Amino acid sequence: KPATKVDMDALKEDVLNYPDSYQYERASRLKVSRGCIHGALKRLKVTYKKNFKAPKGRLRKASYFLP
C-alpha cells in the first residue's frame, strides 16, 4: 500500500537530519500518527543499529537505509 498521509521525501530528510529521534518525535514534526511513521519507515527500509562504541545513553545513534 502506498503512503497516503506522510510525505516520504520529508520523512527521508527527517531521518537524515535527526537520526536518533523516536517515532513519536518524527510523528509530531510531520503531523501524522506514530503508526503512520512506523509503516513509512518500513517502506523506506530504515533500520536502527546499536552503536557499541558510543557512551551510555546514546546507544541507538545510527540509522541505515537498506538497499
Protein backbone atom coordinates (compact mmCIF):
# COMPACT_ATOMS: atom_id res chain seq x y z
CA LYS A 1 0.00 0.00 0.00
CA PRO A 2 1.47 3.40 -0.90
CA ALA A 3 1.88 6.14 1.67
CA THR A 4 -1.09 8.50 1.74
CA LYS A 5 -0.60 10.75 4.77
CA VAL A 6 3.13 11.17 5.13
CA ASP A 7 5.42 12.80 2.58
CA MET A 8 8.10 10.17 2.04
CA ASP A 9 10.71 12.72 0.92
CA ALA A 10 10.13 14.78 4.04
CA LEU A 11 10.44 11.65 6.19
CA LYS A 12 13.69 10.67 4.49
CA GLU A 13 15.07 14.16 5.09
CA ASP A 14 13.95 13.97 8.73
CA VAL A 15 15.78 10.66 9.19
CA LEU A 16 18.95 12.17 7.74
CA ASN A 17 18.70 15.33 9.88
CA TYR A 18 17.62 13.62 13.13
CA PRO A 19 18.97 10.04 13.04
CA ASP A 20 18.38 9.33 16.74
CA SER A 21 14.80 10.61 17.04
CA TYR A 22 11.99 8.43 18.31
CA GLN A 23 8.98 7.67 16.13
CA TYR A 24 6.67 9.85 18.23
CA GLU A 25 9.06 12.79 17.75
CA ARG A 26 9.05 12.29 13.98
CA ALA A 27 5.27 12.00 14.04
CA SER A 28 4.88 15.31 15.83
CA ARG A 29 7.28 17.06 13.42
CA LEU A 30 5.49 15.66 10.34
CA LYS A 31 2.00 15.98 11.91
CA VAL A 32 0.99 12.32 11.46
CA SER A 33 0.47 9.39 13.84
CA ARG A 34 3.24 7.19 15.23
CA GLY A 35 1.77 4.20 13.39
CA CYS A 36 1.99 6.09 10.12
CA ILE A 37 5.69 6.78 10.79
CA HIS A 38 6.25 3.11 11.64
CA GLY A 39 4.78 1.94 8.34
CA ALA A 40 6.60 4.59 6.33
CA LEU A 41 9.97 3.71 7.89
CA LYS A 42 9.35 0.09 6.93
CA ARG A 43 8.59 1.20 3.37
CA LEU A 44 11.85 3.16 3.29
CA LYS A 45 13.64 0.11 4.76
CA VAL A 46 15.16 2.21 7.54
CA THR A 47 16.70 0.18 10.35
CA TYR A 48 18.43 1.19 13.55
CA LYS A 49 21.65 -0.41 14.72
CA LYS A 50 23.12 -0.20 18.17
CA ASN A 51 26.44 1.59 18.27
CA PHE A 52 28.52 -0.22 20.88
CA LYS A 53 31.32 2.36 20.81
CA ALA A 54 29.04 5.20 21.86
CA PRO A 55 28.84 6.25 25.52
CA LYS A 56 25.91 5.13 27.66
CA GLY A 57 22.65 6.81 26.86
CA ARG A 58 23.47 7.18 23.18
CA LEU A 59 23.38 3.55 22.10
CA ARG A 60 20.85 3.98 19.28
CA LYS A 61 22.61 6.54 17.15
CA ALA A 62 22.98 5.12 13.66
CA SER A 63 20.14 4.74 11.19
CA TYR A 64 20.63 2.96 7.90
CA PHE A 65 18.76 2.89 4.60
CA LEU A 66 18.82 -0.66 3.30
CA PRO A 67 19.16 -1.21 -0.46
